[in-house]
Amino acid sequence: VSTKLNRSHAVTGTRALILPTLGRTDKDVQAGGKQFVTVEDSMGMVHASRGNLTPASPHLLSEPAIIARLARAVLGAGSRTDWEAFERD
């Protein structure tokens, strides 16, 4: 899950699955409202960061949405975790 292509995508192993995601400066609005990510500064303090840029594509998803969709696809209906709720909020 990457916000941009980097060298390790091209040199690691024989196959790679690159899943582009929203960057921390991109807007992410879900059913639960405008989302934010947390970032750690050089002093170890964690802050919320809310994007204000229009994403490069309407098809880009947030990292939590990607993970939730993968979990639903792999674990199926047998999972007791509400992955759709994670994706919505």
PDB file of N, CA and C in Angstrom:
ATOM      1  N   VAL A   1       0.872  -1.157   0.000  1.00  0.00           N
ATOM      2  CA  VAL A   1       0.000   0.000   0.000  1.00  0.00           C
ATOM      3  C   VAL A   1       0.917   1.218   0.000  1.00  0.00           C
ATOM      4  N   SER A   2       0.865   1.996  -1.065  1.00  0.00           N
ATOM      5  CA  SER A   2       1.830   3.082  -1.226  1.00  0.00           C
ATOM      6  C   SER A   2       1.183   4.342  -1.773  1.00  0.00           C
ATOM      7  N   THR A   3       1.695   5.474  -1.330  1.00  0.00           N
ATOM      8  CA  THR A   3       1.229   6.746  -1.874  1.00  0.00           C
ATOM      9  C   THR A   3       1.989   7.135  -3.126  1.00  0.00           C
ATOM     10  N   LYS A   4       3.186   6.572  -3.296  1.00  0.00           N
ATOM     11  CA  LYS A   4       3.965   6.845  -4.512  1.00  0.00           C
ATOM     12  C   LYS A   4       4.910   5.681  -4.765  1.00  0.00           C
ATOM     13  N   LEU A   5       5.307   5.526  -6.028  1.00  0.00           N
ATOM     14  CA  LEU A   5       6.224   4.465  -6.414  1.00  0.00           C
ATOM     15  C   LEU A   5       7.613   4.762  -5.864  1.00  0.00           C
ATOM     16  N   ASN A   6       8.275   3.730  -5.318  1.00  0.00           N
ATOM     17  CA  ASN A   6       9.651   3.916  -4.866  1.00  0.00           C
ATOM     18  C   ASN A   6      10.517   2.734  -5.303  1.00  0.00           C
ATOM     19  N   ARG A   7      11.800   2.845  -5.106  1.00  0.00           N
ATOM     20  CA  ARG A   7      12.756   1.863  -5.613  1.00  0.00           C
ATOM     21  C   ARG A   7      12.460   0.444  -5.128  1.00  0.00           C
ATOM     22  N   SER A   8      12.075   0.274  -3.890  1.00  0.00           N
ATOM     23  CA  SER A   8      11.852  -1.069  -3.349  1.00  0.00           C
ATOM     24  C   SER A   8      10.736  -1.814  -4.082  1.00  0.00           C
ATOM     25  N   HIS A   9       9.845  -1.101  -4.742  1.00  0.00           N
ATOM     26  CA  HIS A   9       8.801  -1.766  -5.516  1.00  0.00           C
ATOM     27  C   HIS A   9       9.378  -2.524  -6.703  1.00  0.00           C
ATOM     28  N   ALA A  10      10.514  -2.076  -7.216  1.00  0.00           N
ATOM     29  CA  ALA A  10      11.089  -2.658  -8.427  1.00  0.00           C
ATOM     30  C   ALA A  10      12.161  -3.710  -8.160  1.00  0.00           C
ATOM     31  N   VAL A  11      12.754  -3.732  -6.969  1.00  0.00           N
ATOM     32  CA  VAL A  11      13.891  -4.616  -6.741  1.00  0.00           C
ATOM     33  C   VAL A  11      13.620  -5.761  -5.770  1.00  0.00           C
ATOM     34  N   THR A  12      12.475  -5.818  -5.148  1.00  0.00           N
ATOM     35  CA  THR A  12      12.198  -6.833  -4.141  1.00  0.00           C
ATOM     36  C   THR A  12      11.433  -7.998  -4.752  1.00  0.00           C
ATOM     37  N   GLY A  13      11.988  -9.183  -4.704  1.00  0.00           N
ATOM     38  CA  GLY A  13      11.294 -10.381  -5.175  1.00  0.00           C
ATOM     39  C   GLY A  13      11.070 -10.393  -6.674  1.00  0.00           C
ATOM     40  N   THR A  14      10.236 -11.332  -7.104  1.00  0.00           N
ATOM     41  CA  THR A  14       9.953 -11.462  -8.537  1.00  0.00           C
ATOM     42  C   THR A  14       8.598 -10.896  -8.910  1.00  0.00           C
ATOM     43  N   ARG A  15       7.727 -10.711  -7.932  1.00  0.00           N
ATOM     44  CA  ARG A  15       6.404 -10.147  -8.185  1.00  0.00           C
ATOM     45  C   ARG A  15       6.080  -9.123  -7.106  1.00  0.00           C
ATOM     46  N   ALA A  16       5.272  -8.171  -7.487  1.00  0.00           N
ATOM     47  CA  ALA A  16       4.853  -7.161  -6.516  1.00  0.00           C
ATOM     48  C   ALA A  16       3.404  -6.793  -6.781  1.00  0.00           C
ATOM     49  N   LEU A  17       2.683  -6.538  -5.733  1.00  0.00           N
ATOM     50  CA  LEU A  17       1.323  -6.031  -5.828  1.00  0.00           C
ATOM     51  C   LEU A  17       1.361  -4.631  -5.229  1.00  0.00           C
ATOM     52  N   ILE A  18       1.209  -3.633  -6.068  1.00  0.00           N
ATOM     53  CA  ILE A  18       1.273  -2.245  -5.621  1.00  0.00           C
ATOM     54  C   ILE A  18      -0.145  -1.698  -5.572  1.00  0.00           C
ATOM     55  N   LEU A  19      -0.579  -1.323  -4.396  1.00  0.00           N
ATOM     56  CA  LEU A  19      -1.921  -0.794  -4.196  1.00  0.00           C
ATOM     57  C   LEU A  19      -1.819   0.695  -3.897  1.00  0.00           C
ATOM     58  N   PRO A  20      -2.119   1.546  -4.874  1.00  0.00           N
ATOM     59  CA  PRO A  20      -2.036   2.988  -4.620  1.00  0.00           C
ATOM     60  C   PRO A  20      -3.103   3.420  -3.619  1.00  0.00           C
ATOM     61  N   THR A  21      -2.743   4.345  -2.763  1.00  0.00           N
ATOM     62  CA  THR A  21      -3.651   4.793  -1.716  1.00  0.00           C
ATOM     63  C   THR A  21      -3.673   6.319  -1.648  1.00  0.00           C
ATOM     64  N   LEU A  22      -4.648   6.843  -0.948  1.00  0.00           N
ATOM     65  CA  LEU A  22      -4.702   8.281  -0.712  1.00  0.00           C
ATOM     66  C   LEU A  22      -3.477   8.712   0.089  1.00  0.00           C
ATOM     67  N   GLY A  23      -2.950   9.867  -0.226  1.00  0.00           N
ATOM     68  CA  GLY A  23      -1.866  10.442   0.555  1.00  0.00           C
ATOM     69  C   GLY A  23      -2.431  11.232   1.725  1.00  0.00           C
ATOM     70  N   ARG A  24      -1.576  11.613   2.644  1.00  0.00           N
ATOM     71  CA  ARG A  24      -2.080  12.325   3.825  1.00  0.00           C
ATOM     72  C   ARG A  24      -2.579  13.726   3.507  1.00  0.00           C
ATOM     73  N   THR A  25      -2.247  14.248   2.327  1.00  0.00           N
ATOM     74  CA  THR A  25      -2.736  15.571   1.937  1.00  0.00           C
ATOM     75  C   THR A  25      -4.024  15.502   1.116  1.00  0.00           C
ATOM     76  N   ASP A  26      -4.490  14.273   0.817  1.00  0.00           N
ATOM     77  CA  ASP A  26      -5.719  14.097   0.035  1.00  0.00           C
ATOM     78  C   ASP A  26      -6.951  14.081   0.934  1.00  0.00           C
ATOM     79  N   LYS A  27      -8.038  14.674   0.455  1.00  0.00           N
ATOM     80  CA  LYS A  27      -9.311  14.612   1.172  1.00  0.00           C
ATOM     81  C   LYS A  27      -9.794  13.169   1.202  1.00  0.00           C
ATOM     82  N   ASP A  28     -10.357  12.768   2.332  1.00  0.00           N
ATOM     83  CA  ASP A  28     -10.958  11.440   2.464  1.00  0.00           C
ATOM     84  C   ASP A  28     -12.262  11.601   3.227  1.00  0.00           C
ATOM     85  N   VAL A  29     -13.361  11.610   2.499  1.00  0.00           N
ATOM     86  CA  VAL A  29     -14.675  11.774   3.118  1.00  0.00           C
ATOM     87  C   VAL A  29     -15.424  10.455   2.997  1.00  0.00           C
ATOM     88  N   GLN A  30     -15.824   9.909   4.139  1.00  0.00           N
ATOM     89  CA  GLN A  30     -16.561   8.646   4.198  1.00  0.00           C
ATOM     90  C   GLN A  30     -17.930   8.906   4.814  1.00  0.00           C
ATOM     91  N   ALA A  31     -18.714   7.861   4.949  1.00  0.00           N
ATOM     92  CA  ALA A  31     -20.041   7.993   5.559  1.00  0.00           C
ATOM     93  C   ALA A  31     -19.944   8.574   6.968  1.00  0.00           C
ATOM     94  N   GLY A  32     -18.846   8.287   7.661  1.00  0.00           N
ATOM     95  CA  GLY A  32     -18.651   8.790   9.015  1.00  0.00           C
ATOM     96  C   GLY A  32     -18.129  10.214   9.068  1.00  0.00           C
ATOM     97  N   GLY A  33     -17.932  10.839   7.916  1.00  0.00           N
ATOM     98  CA  GLY A  33     -17.444  12.214   7.870  1.00  0.00           C
ATOM     99  C   GLY A  33     -16.048  12.308   7.292  1.00  0.00           C
ATOM    100  N   LYS A  34     -15.449  13.499   7.421  1.00  0.00           N
ATOM    101  CA  LYS A  34     -14.101  13.725   6.907  1.00  0.00           C
ATOM    102  C   LYS A  34     -13.097  12.985   7.790  1.00  0.00           C
ATOM    103  N   GLN A  35     -12.250  12.199   7.163  1.00  0.00           N
ATOM    104  CA  GLN A  35     -11.297  11.368   7.887  1.00  0.00           C
ATOM    105  C   GLN A  35      -9.968  12.094   8.077  1.00  0.00           C
ATOM    106  N   PHE A  36      -9.151  11.576   8.985  1.00  0.00           N
ATOM    107  CA  PHE A  36      -7.815  12.116   9.198  1.00  0.00           C
ATOM    108  C   PHE A  36      -6.848  10.964   9.423  1.00  0.00           C
ATOM    109  N   VAL A  37      -5.580  11.243   9.245  1.00  0.00           N
ATOM    110  CA  VAL A  37      -4.531  10.284   9.576  1.00  0.00           C
ATOM    111  C   VAL A  37      -3.727  10.866  10.720  1.00  0.00           C
ATOM    112  N   THR A  38      -2.961  10.025  11.394  1.00  0.00           N
ATOM    113  CA  THR A  38      -2.088  10.520  12.446  1.00  0.00           C
ATOM    114  C   THR A  38      -0.653  10.502  11.942  1.00  0.00           C
ATOM    115  N   VAL A  39       0.087  11.519  12.317  1.00  0.00           N
ATOM    116  CA  VAL A  39       1.495  11.642  11.942  1.00  0.00           C
ATOM    117  C   VAL A  39       2.303  11.934  13.201  1.00  0.00           C
ATOM    118  N   GLU A  40       3.525  11.424  13.227  1.00  0.00           N
ATOM    119  CA  GLU A  40       4.408  11.657  14.363  1.00  0.00           C
ATOM    120  C   GLU A  40       5.475  12.668  13.962  1.00  0.00           C
ATOM    121  N   ASP A  41       5.653  13.703  14.787  1.00  0.00           N
ATOM    122  CA  ASP A  41       6.662  14.710  14.467  1.00  0.00           C
ATOM    123  C   ASP A  41       8.031  14.290  15.015  1.00  0.00           C
ATOM    124  N   SER A  42       9.027  15.126  14.812  1.00  0.00           N
ATOM    125  CA  SER A  42      10.397  14.792  15.210  1.00  0.00           C
ATOM    126  C   SER A  42      10.577  14.708  16.726  1.00  0.00           C
ATOM    127  N   MET A  43       9.618  15.220  17.483  1.00  0.00           N
ATOM    128  CA  MET A  43       9.679  15.160  18.943  1.00  0.00           C
ATOM    129  C   MET A  43       8.882  13.985  19.501  1.00  0.00           C
ATOM    130  N   GLY A  44       8.338  13.156  18.622  1.00  0.00           N
ATOM    131  CA  GLY A  44       7.572  11.993  19.058  1.00  0.00           C
ATOM    132  C   GLY A  44       6.121  12.297  19.380  1.00  0.00           C
ATOM    133  N   MET A  45       5.670  13.504  19.090  1.00  0.00           N
ATOM    134  CA  MET A  45       4.275  13.875  19.335  1.00  0.00           C
ATOM    135  C   MET A  45       3.421  13.444  18.140  1.00  0.00           C
ATOM    136  N   VAL A  46       2.256  12.906  18.427  1.00  0.00           N
ATOM    137  CA  VAL A  46       1.352  12.443  17.373  1.00  0.00           C
ATOM    138  C   VAL A  46       0.252  13.476  17.172  1.00  0.00           C
ATOM    139  N   HIS A  47       0.004  13.825  15.918  1.00  0.00           N
ATOM    140  CA  HIS A  47      -0.987  14.837  15.573  1.00  0.00           C
ATOM    141  C   HIS A  47      -1.908  14.311  14.485  1.00  0.00           C
ATOM    142  N   ALA A  48      -3.108  14.859  14.433  1.00  0.00           N
ATOM    143  CA  ALA A  48      -4.034  14.545  13.341  1.00  0.00           C
ATOM    144  C   ALA A  48      -3.667  15.384  12.122  1.00  0.00           C
ATOM    145  N   SER A  49      -3.781  14.784  10.957  1.00  0.00           N
ATOM    146  CA  SER A  49      -3.528  15.489   9.705  1.00  0.00           C
ATOM    147  C   SER A  49      -4.721  15.248   8.788  1.00  0.00           C
ATOM    148  N   ARG A  50      -5.385  16.341   8.402  1.00  0.00           N
ATOM    149  CA  ARG A  50      -6.548  16.239   7.519  1.00  0.00           C
ATOM    150  C   ARG A  50      -6.173  16.772   6.145  1.00  0.00           C
ATOM    151  N   GLY A  51      -6.407  15.958   5.135  1.00  0.00           N
ATOM    152  CA  GLY A  51      -6.077  16.364   3.780  1.00  0.00           C
ATOM    153  C   GLY A  51      -7.019  17.434   3.263  1.00  0.00           C
ATOM    154  N   ASN A  52      -6.527  18.273   2.357  1.00  0.00           N
ATOM    155  CA  ASN A  52      -7.383  19.303   1.769  1.00  0.00           C
ATOM    156  C   ASN A  52      -7.271  19.338   0.246  1.00  0.00           C
ATOM    157  N   LEU A  53      -6.534  18.375  -0.335  1.00  0.00           N
ATOM    158  CA  LEU A  53      -6.391  18.322  -1.786  1.00  0.00           C
ATOM    159  C   LEU A  53      -7.349  17.296  -2.388  1.00  0.00           C
ATOM    160  N   THR A  54      -7.817  17.566  -3.589  1.00  0.00           N
ATOM    161  CA  THR A  54      -8.653  16.601  -4.294  1.00  0.00           C
ATOM    162  C   THR A  54      -7.765  15.437  -4.724  1.00  0.00           C
ATOM    163  N   PRO A  55      -8.161  14.191  -4.429  1.00  0.00           N
ATOM    164  CA  PRO A  55      -7.343  13.039  -4.820  1.00  0.00           C
ATOM    165  C   PRO A  55      -7.122  12.982  -6.331  1.00  0.00           C
ATOM    166  N   ALA A  56      -6.018  12.370  -6.746  1.00  0.00           N
ATOM    167  CA  ALA A  56      -5.667  12.255  -8.162  1.00  0.00           C
ATOM    168  C   ALA A  56      -6.699  11.446  -8.940  1.00  0.00           C
ATOM    169  N   SER A  57      -7.410  10.552  -8.255  1.00  0.00           N
ATOM    170  CA  SER A  57      -8.426   9.724  -8.902  1.00  0.00           C
ATOM    171  C   SER A  57      -9.554   9.464  -7.916  1.00  0.00           C
ATOM    172  N   PRO A  58     -10.795   9.409  -8.387  1.00  0.00           N
ATOM    173  CA  PRO A  58     -11.899   9.071  -7.489  1.00  0.00           C
ATOM    174  C   PRO A  58     -11.855   7.602  -7.060  1.00  0.00           C
ATOM    175  N   HIS A  59     -10.982   6.816  -7.669  1.00  0.00           N
ATOM    176  CA  HIS A  59     -10.886   5.389  -7.359  1.00  0.00           C
ATOM    177  C   HIS A  59      -9.865   5.084  -6.267  1.00  0.00           C
ATOM    178  N   LEU A  60      -9.086   6.097  -5.852  1.00  0.00           N
ATOM    179  CA  LEU A  60      -8.123   5.880  -4.775  1.00  0.00           C
ATOM    180  C   LEU A  60      -8.863   5.666  -3.464  1.00  0.00           C
ATOM    181  N   LEU A  61      -8.374   4.735  -2.666  1.00  0.00           N
ATOM    182  CA  LEU A  61      -8.961   4.433  -1.365  1.00  0.00           C
ATOM    183  C   LEU A  61      -7.960   4.759  -0.267  1.00  0.00           C
ATOM    184  N   SER A  62      -8.474   4.922   0.939  1.00  0.00           N
ATOM    185  CA  SER A  62      -7.598   5.107   2.092  1.00  0.00           C
ATOM    186  C   SER A  62      -6.980   3.758   2.464  1.00  0.00           C
ATOM    187  N   GLU A  63      -5.899   3.796   3.231  1.00  0.00           N
ATOM    188  CA  GLU A  63      -5.276   2.549   3.681  1.00  0.00           C
ATOM    189  C   GLU A  63      -6.253   1.687   4.484  1.00  0.00           C
ATOM    190  N   PRO A  64      -7.017   2.258   5.446  1.00  0.00           N
ATOM    191  CA  PRO A  64      -7.974   1.419   6.167  1.00  0.00           C
ATOM    192  C   PRO A  64      -9.026   0.787   5.245  1.00  0.00           C
ATOM    193  N   ALA A  65      -9.468   1.517   4.221  1.00  0.00           N
ATOM    194  CA  ALA A  65     -10.453   0.962   3.288  1.00  0.00           C
ATOM    195  C   ALA A  65      -9.863  -0.201   2.503  1.00  0.00           C
ATOM    196  N   ILE A  66      -8.614  -0.074   2.080  1.00  0.00           N
ATOM    197  CA  ILE A  66      -7.959  -1.159   1.345  1.00  0.00           C
ATOM    198  C   ILE A  66      -7.841  -2.398   2.224  1.00  0.00           C
ATOM    199  N   ILE A  67      -7.374  -2.218   3.448  1.00  0.00           N
ATOM    200  CA  ILE A  67      -7.209  -3.351   4.364  1.00  0.00           C
ATOM    201  C   ILE A  67      -8.558  -3.983   4.683  1.00  0.00           C
ATOM    202  N   ALA A  68      -9.584  -3.167   4.910  1.00  0.00           N
ATOM    203  CA  ALA A  68     -10.916  -3.697   5.214  1.00  0.00           C
ATOM    204  C   ALA A  68     -11.462  -4.513   4.045  1.00  0.00           C
ATOM    205  N   ARG A  69     -11.276  -4.041   2.831  1.00  0.00           N
ATOM    206  CA  ARG A  69     -11.760  -4.780   1.660  1.00  0.00           C
ATOM    207  C   ARG A  69     -10.987  -6.082   1.466  1.00  0.00           C
ATOM    208  N   LEU A  70      -9.682  -6.039   1.689  1.00  0.00           N
ATOM    209  CA  LEU A  70      -8.894  -7.272   1.612  1.00  0.00           C
ATOM    210  C   LEU A  70      -9.360  -8.276   2.664  1.00  0.00           C
ATOM    211  N   ALA A  71      -9.585  -7.796   3.881  1.00  0.00           N
ATOM    212  CA  ALA A  71     -10.038  -8.677   4.961  1.00  0.00           C
ATOM    213  C   ALA A  71     -11.386  -9.304   4.628  1.00  0.00           C
ATOM    214  N   ARG A  72     -12.317  -8.516   4.121  1.00  0.00           N
ATOM    215  CA  ARG A  72     -13.629  -9.067   3.739  1.00  0.00           C
ATOM    216  C   ARG A  72     -13.480 -10.119   2.650  1.00  0.00           C
ATOM    217  N   ALA A  73     -12.611  -9.853   1.669  1.00  0.00           N
ATOM    218  CA  ALA A  73     -12.424 -10.795   0.564  1.00  0.00           C
ATOM    219  C   ALA A  73     -11.771 -12.095   1.039  1.00  0.00           C
ATOM    220  N   VAL A  74     -10.814 -11.991   1.951  1.00  0.00           N
ATOM    221  CA  VAL A  74     -10.087 -13.173   2.411  1.00  0.00           C
ATOM    222  C   VAL A  74     -10.859 -13.933   3.481  1.00  0.00           C
ATOM    223  N   LEU A  75     -11.418 -13.216   4.448  1.00  0.00           N
ATOM    224  CA  LEU A  75     -12.064 -13.861   5.588  1.00  0.00           C
ATOM    225  C   LEU A  75     -13.531 -14.188   5.342  1.00  0.00           C
ATOM    226  N   GLY A  76     -14.162 -13.456   4.455  1.00  0.00           N
ATOM    227  CA  GLY A  76     -15.555 -13.729   4.107  1.00  0.00           C
ATOM    228  C   GLY A  76     -16.522 -13.515   5.255  1.00  0.00           C
ATOM    229  N   ALA A  77     -17.666 -14.148   5.136  1.00  0.00           N
ATOM    230  CA  ALA A  77     -18.752 -13.972   6.105  1.00  0.00           C
ATOM    231  C   ALA A  77     -18.425 -14.579   7.465  1.00  0.00           C
ATOM    232  N   GLY A  78     -17.397 -15.416   7.540  1.00  0.00           N
ATOM    233  CA  GLY A  78     -17.050 -16.059   8.800  1.00  0.00           C
ATOM    234  C   GLY A  78     -16.357 -15.145   9.795  1.00  0.00           C
ATOM    235  N   SER A  79     -15.952 -13.971   9.360  1.00  0.00           N
ATOM    236  CA  SER A  79     -15.256 -13.044  10.250  1.00  0.00           C
ATOM    237  C   SER A  79     -16.237 -12.378  11.204  1.00  0.00           C
ATOM    238  N   ARG A  80     -15.838 -12.267  12.465  1.00  0.00           N
ATOM    239  CA  ARG A  80     -16.694 -11.594  13.448  1.00  0.00           C
ATOM    240  C   ARG A  80     -16.445 -10.091  13.490  1.00  0.00           C
ATOM    241  N   THR A  81     -15.466  -9.625  12.750  1.00  0.00           N
ATOM    242  CA  THR A  81     -15.134  -8.200  12.703  1.00  0.00           C
ATOM    243  C   THR A  81     -15.990  -7.501  11.658  1.00  0.00           C
ATOM    244  N   ASP A  82     -16.522  -6.348  12.005  1.00  0.00           N
ATOM    245  CA  ASP A  82     -17.343  -5.564  11.073  1.00  0.00           C
ATOM    246  C   ASP A  82     -16.421  -4.714  10.201  1.00  0.00           C
ATOM    247  N   TRP A  83     -15.874  -5.327   9.141  1.00  0.00           N
ATOM    248  CA  TRP A  83     -14.924  -4.649   8.267  1.00  0.00           C
ATOM    249  C   TRP A  83     -15.567  -3.498   7.517  1.00  0.00           C
ATOM    250  N   GLU A  84     -16.847  -3.603   7.215  1.00  0.00           N
ATOM    251  CA  GLU A  84     -17.534  -2.502   6.519  1.00  0.00           C
ATOM    252  C   GLU A  84     -17.589  -1.260   7.398  1.00  0.00           C
ATOM    253  N   ALA A  85     -17.756  -1.446   8.698  1.00  0.00           N
ATOM    254  CA  ALA A  85     -17.775  -0.305   9.619  1.00  0.00           C
ATOM    255  C   ALA A  85     -16.408   0.385   9.646  1.00  0.00           C
ATOM    256  N   PHE A  86     -15.337  -0.404   9.624  1.00  0.00           N
ATOM    257  CA  PHE A  86     -13.994   0.183   9.570  1.00  0.00           C
ATOM    258  C   PHE A  86     -13.821   1.017   8.311  1.00  0.00           C
ATOM    259  N   GLU A  87     -14.352   0.524   7.205  1.00  0.00           N
ATOM    260  CA  GLU A  87     -14.207   1.251   5.945  1.00  0.00           C
ATOM    261  C   GLU A  87     -15.029   2.543   5.940  1.00  0.00           C
ATOM    262  N   ARG A  88     -16.213   2.503   6.519  1.00  0.00           N
ATOM    263  CA  ARG A  88     -17.088   3.686   6.532  1.00  0.00           C
ATOM    264  C   ARG A  88     -16.561   4.788   7.436  1.00  0.00           C
ATOM    265  N   ASP A  89     -15.824   4.412   8.478  1.00  0.00           N
ATOM    266  CA  ASP A  89     -15.361   5.411   9.445  1.00  0.00           C
ATOM    267  C   ASP A  89     -13.870   5.284   9.655  1.00  0.00           C
TER     268      ASP A  89
END
